[in-house]
Every structure is written in structure tokens, then in C-alpha cells.
């Protein structure tokens, strides 16, 4: 998805993990994914570089769809659709 498409998504759950280092954002995402329904969109906010790698790998392994990453000033927004 393009940056514009990602920004236009309706997010059902936002996880702010900007204050944590790896593996904190991944652990926060794992906890939060259980609180949303199948097909819902979740965004993870993180300033940790490793999160851009870890979240998509975990999502694909667990049957969720990685939608993309939007770059913000000093952090990223990573978007997933729950499988």
C-alpha cells in the first residue's frame, strides 16, 4: 500500500510502543491482537528499527496480513490486518 492508503485506513486498535525497545513493540502487538476481531486493522507505533522487520515476520507467521509501514518524524506506524 502507498503511504496515502496507509494513512487513510480506519484503525480499530492503536498500540503506542514508542517508549519500548525490541522486543517490547512485538510483545505489545501480540497482546493487542487478541483484543480485536478478524479483519480488523491494528497499527503499532514504534521508534525501534527492529520492529519494521519483526512485526511483518510475526504477522505472516501467525496468519495476519502485513499492510505496510508509514514513516513518521522519529517513529514508524506499522499496519496489520488480523487474520
N, C-alpha and C. Protein backbone atom coordinates (compact mmCIF):
# COMPACT_ATOMS: atom_id res chain seq x y z
N UNK A 1 0.84 -1.19 0.00
CA UNK A 1 0.00 0.00 0.00
C UNK A 1 0.88 1.25 0.00
N UNK A 2 0.36 2.32 -0.57
CA UNK A 2 1.10 3.57 -0.56
C UNK A 2 0.97 4.24 0.81
N UNK A 3 1.82 5.22 1.05
CA UNK A 3 1.75 5.96 2.31
C UNK A 3 0.37 6.60 2.48
N UNK A 4 -0.19 7.12 1.39
CA UNK A 4 -1.51 7.76 1.45
C UNK A 4 -2.59 6.74 1.80
N UNK A 5 -2.52 5.55 1.21
CA UNK A 5 -3.50 4.49 1.50
C UNK A 5 -3.40 4.04 2.96
N UNK A 6 -2.17 3.92 3.46
CA UNK A 6 -1.99 3.53 4.85
C UNK A 6 -2.59 4.58 5.78
N UNK A 7 -2.34 5.85 5.50
CA UNK A 7 -2.85 6.93 6.35
C UNK A 7 -4.37 7.00 6.32
N UNK A 8 -4.99 6.54 5.23
CA UNK A 8 -6.45 6.60 5.09
C UNK A 8 -7.17 5.41 5.73
N UNK A 9 -6.42 4.41 6.19
CA UNK A 9 -7.05 3.23 6.80
C UNK A 9 -7.83 3.61 8.06
N UNK A 10 -8.92 2.89 8.28
CA UNK A 10 -9.66 3.02 9.53
C UNK A 10 -9.05 2.02 10.50
N UNK A 11 -8.42 2.54 11.55
CA UNK A 11 -7.71 1.70 12.51
C UNK A 11 -8.64 1.34 13.67
N UNK A 12 -8.72 0.03 13.97
CA UNK A 12 -9.56 -0.44 15.07
C UNK A 12 -8.82 -0.44 16.40
N UNK A 13 -7.48 -0.56 16.34
CA UNK A 13 -6.66 -0.60 17.56
C UNK A 13 -5.32 0.03 17.26
N UNK A 14 -4.90 0.94 18.14
CA UNK A 14 -3.60 1.57 18.01
C UNK A 14 -2.77 1.20 19.24
N UNK A 15 -1.55 0.73 18.99
CA UNK A 15 -0.65 0.33 20.07
C UNK A 15 0.54 1.27 20.04
N UNK A 16 0.69 2.07 21.08
CA UNK A 16 1.81 3.00 21.16
C UNK A 16 2.95 2.37 21.94
N UNK A 17 3.94 1.85 21.21
CA UNK A 17 5.10 1.19 21.83
C UNK A 17 6.36 2.00 21.59
N UNK A 18 6.22 3.32 21.40
CA UNK A 18 7.39 4.16 21.10
C UNK A 18 8.38 4.24 22.25
N UNK A 19 7.94 4.01 23.47
CA UNK A 19 8.84 4.10 24.61
C UNK A 19 9.56 2.81 24.93
N UNK A 20 9.37 1.77 24.11
CA UNK A 20 9.99 0.47 24.39
C UNK A 20 10.96 0.09 23.29
N UNK A 21 11.98 -0.66 23.67
CA UNK A 21 12.94 -1.19 22.70
C UNK A 21 12.60 -2.65 22.43
N UNK A 22 13.14 -3.18 21.37
CA UNK A 22 12.92 -4.57 20.99
C UNK A 22 13.24 -5.49 22.17
N UNK A 23 12.38 -6.44 22.53
CA UNK A 23 11.20 -6.91 21.82
C UNK A 23 9.89 -6.28 22.31
N UNK A 24 9.94 -5.16 23.00
CA UNK A 24 8.74 -4.53 23.55
C UNK A 24 7.62 -4.30 22.56
N UNK A 25 7.88 -3.66 21.40
CA UNK A 25 6.80 -3.44 20.45
C UNK A 25 6.13 -4.73 19.97
N UNK A 26 6.93 -5.76 19.76
CA UNK A 26 6.37 -7.05 19.33
C UNK A 26 5.50 -7.65 20.42
N UNK A 27 5.96 -7.59 21.66
CA UNK A 27 5.17 -8.12 22.78
C UNK A 27 3.86 -7.35 22.93
N UNK A 28 3.91 -6.02 22.77
CA UNK A 28 2.69 -5.20 22.84
C UNK A 28 1.72 -5.58 21.72
N UNK A 29 2.25 -5.82 20.53
CA UNK A 29 1.41 -6.20 19.39
C UNK A 29 0.76 -7.56 19.63
N UNK A 30 1.52 -8.51 20.18
CA UNK A 30 0.99 -9.84 20.47
C UNK A 30 -0.17 -9.76 21.47
N UNK A 31 -0.03 -8.90 22.49
CA UNK A 31 -1.11 -8.73 23.47
C UNK A 31 -2.34 -8.10 22.82
N UNK A 32 -2.12 -7.06 22.03
CA UNK A 32 -3.22 -6.28 21.47
C UNK A 32 -4.00 -7.02 20.39
N UNK A 33 -3.34 -7.90 19.64
CA UNK A 33 -4.02 -8.57 18.52
C UNK A 33 -5.19 -9.42 19.02
N UNK A 34 -5.11 -9.88 20.25
CA UNK A 34 -6.19 -10.69 20.82
C UNK A 34 -7.42 -9.89 21.20
N UNK A 35 -7.30 -8.57 21.18
CA UNK A 35 -8.42 -7.72 21.60
C UNK A 35 -9.25 -7.19 20.42
N UNK A 36 -8.85 -7.56 19.19
CA UNK A 36 -9.60 -7.11 18.02
C UNK A 36 -10.15 -8.30 17.25
N UNK A 37 -11.13 -8.04 16.41
CA UNK A 37 -11.75 -9.10 15.64
C UNK A 37 -11.03 -9.40 14.34
N UNK A 38 -11.36 -10.52 13.77
CA UNK A 38 -10.80 -10.92 12.48
C UNK A 38 -11.15 -9.89 11.42
N UNK A 39 -10.17 -9.48 10.63
CA UNK A 39 -10.38 -8.47 9.60
C UNK A 39 -10.17 -7.04 10.08
N UNK A 40 -10.03 -6.86 11.40
CA UNK A 40 -9.79 -5.53 11.96
C UNK A 40 -8.36 -5.09 11.68
N UNK A 41 -8.16 -3.77 11.68
CA UNK A 41 -6.85 -3.18 11.40
C UNK A 41 -6.22 -2.69 12.71
N UNK A 42 -4.95 -3.01 12.88
CA UNK A 42 -4.19 -2.57 14.05
C UNK A 42 -2.96 -1.81 13.55
N UNK A 43 -2.63 -0.72 14.25
CA UNK A 43 -1.38 -0.02 13.96
C UNK A 43 -0.50 -0.09 15.19
N UNK A 44 0.79 -0.27 14.95
CA UNK A 44 1.78 -0.29 16.02
C UNK A 44 2.70 0.90 15.79
N UNK A 45 2.81 1.76 16.80
CA UNK A 45 3.72 2.91 16.74
C UNK A 45 5.01 2.52 17.44
N UNK A 46 6.13 2.65 16.76
CA UNK A 46 7.40 2.25 17.33
C UNK A 46 8.53 3.11 16.80
N UNK A 47 9.51 3.38 17.65
CA UNK A 47 10.71 4.09 17.24
C UNK A 47 11.89 3.13 17.08
N UNK A 48 11.67 1.85 17.37
CA UNK A 48 12.73 0.84 17.30
C UNK A 48 12.85 0.29 15.87
N UNK A 49 14.03 0.42 15.28
CA UNK A 49 14.27 -0.02 13.89
C UNK A 49 13.92 -1.49 13.67
N UNK A 50 14.23 -2.34 14.65
CA UNK A 50 13.99 -3.77 14.51
C UNK A 50 12.53 -4.12 14.34
N UNK A 51 11.65 -3.26 14.81
CA UNK A 51 10.22 -3.51 14.73
C UNK A 51 9.76 -3.60 13.27
N UNK A 52 10.38 -2.84 12.39
CA UNK A 52 10.00 -2.86 10.97
C UNK A 52 10.23 -4.24 10.35
N UNK A 53 11.14 -4.99 10.91
CA UNK A 53 11.44 -6.36 10.46
C UNK A 53 10.61 -7.38 11.21
N UNK A 54 10.58 -7.24 12.55
CA UNK A 54 9.98 -8.25 13.42
C UNK A 54 8.46 -8.37 13.26
N UNK A 55 7.76 -7.26 13.21
CA UNK A 55 6.30 -7.30 13.16
C UNK A 55 5.80 -7.98 11.87
N UNK A 56 6.31 -7.60 10.68
CA UNK A 56 5.83 -8.30 9.48
C UNK A 56 6.10 -9.80 9.49
N UNK A 57 7.29 -10.21 9.98
CA UNK A 57 7.61 -11.64 10.05
C UNK A 57 6.65 -12.37 10.97
N UNK A 58 6.41 -11.80 12.15
CA UNK A 58 5.49 -12.40 13.12
C UNK A 58 4.07 -12.46 12.54
N UNK A 59 3.62 -11.37 11.93
CA UNK A 59 2.26 -11.31 11.37
C UNK A 59 2.05 -12.41 10.33
N UNK A 60 2.99 -12.54 9.40
CA UNK A 60 2.85 -13.54 8.36
C UNK A 60 2.87 -14.95 8.93
N UNK A 61 3.70 -15.17 9.94
CA UNK A 61 3.79 -16.49 10.56
C UNK A 61 2.47 -16.86 11.27
N UNK A 62 1.79 -15.86 11.81
CA UNK A 62 0.55 -16.09 12.57
C UNK A 62 -0.71 -15.97 11.72
N UNK A 63 -0.57 -15.71 10.42
CA UNK A 63 -1.73 -15.64 9.55
C UNK A 63 -2.40 -14.28 9.47
N UNK A 64 -1.71 -13.24 9.94
CA UNK A 64 -2.22 -11.88 9.82
C UNK A 64 -1.59 -11.26 8.56
N UNK A 65 -2.23 -10.22 8.05
CA UNK A 65 -1.72 -9.57 6.84
C UNK A 65 -0.98 -8.28 7.18
N UNK A 66 0.29 -8.23 6.82
CA UNK A 66 1.08 -7.01 6.98
C UNK A 66 0.68 -6.08 5.84
N UNK A 67 0.20 -4.89 6.18
CA UNK A 67 -0.28 -3.95 5.17
C UNK A 67 0.78 -2.94 4.74
N UNK A 68 1.71 -2.63 5.64
CA UNK A 68 2.76 -1.68 5.29
C UNK A 68 3.22 -0.87 6.48
N UNK A 69 4.23 -0.05 6.24
CA UNK A 69 4.81 0.80 7.27
C UNK A 69 4.84 2.23 6.77
N UNK A 70 4.35 3.14 7.60
CA UNK A 70 4.39 4.57 7.28
C UNK A 70 5.46 5.22 8.15
N UNK A 71 6.32 5.99 7.52
CA UNK A 71 7.39 6.69 8.23
C UNK A 71 6.85 8.00 8.78
N UNK A 72 7.04 8.22 10.05
CA UNK A 72 6.67 9.49 10.68
C UNK A 72 7.96 10.15 11.15
N UNK A 73 7.86 11.30 11.75
CA UNK A 73 9.03 12.00 12.25
C UNK A 73 9.52 11.34 13.54
N UNK A 74 10.57 10.51 13.45
CA UNK A 74 11.15 9.87 14.61
C UNK A 74 10.55 8.54 15.00
N UNK A 75 9.55 8.07 14.26
CA UNK A 75 8.96 6.75 14.55
C UNK A 75 8.24 6.22 13.31
N UNK A 76 7.71 5.00 13.42
CA UNK A 76 7.00 4.35 12.32
C UNK A 76 5.62 3.94 12.79
N UNK A 77 4.72 3.80 11.83
CA UNK A 77 3.40 3.22 12.07
C UNK A 77 3.33 1.98 11.20
N UNK A 78 3.18 0.83 11.85
CA UNK A 78 3.13 -0.44 11.15
C UNK A 78 1.69 -0.94 11.18
N UNK A 79 1.15 -1.29 10.02
CA UNK A 79 -0.25 -1.65 9.91
C UNK A 79 -0.42 -3.14 9.61
N UNK A 80 -1.36 -3.77 10.35
CA UNK A 80 -1.69 -5.17 10.17
C UNK A 80 -3.19 -5.34 10.07
N UNK A 81 -3.59 -6.38 9.34
CA UNK A 81 -5.00 -6.80 9.35
C UNK A 81 -5.02 -8.18 10.00
N UNK A 82 -5.86 -8.32 11.03
CA UNK A 82 -5.93 -9.59 11.76
C UNK A 82 -6.53 -10.67 10.87
N UNK A 83 -5.88 -11.82 10.85
CA UNK A 83 -6.34 -12.96 10.03
C UNK A 83 -7.44 -13.73 10.69
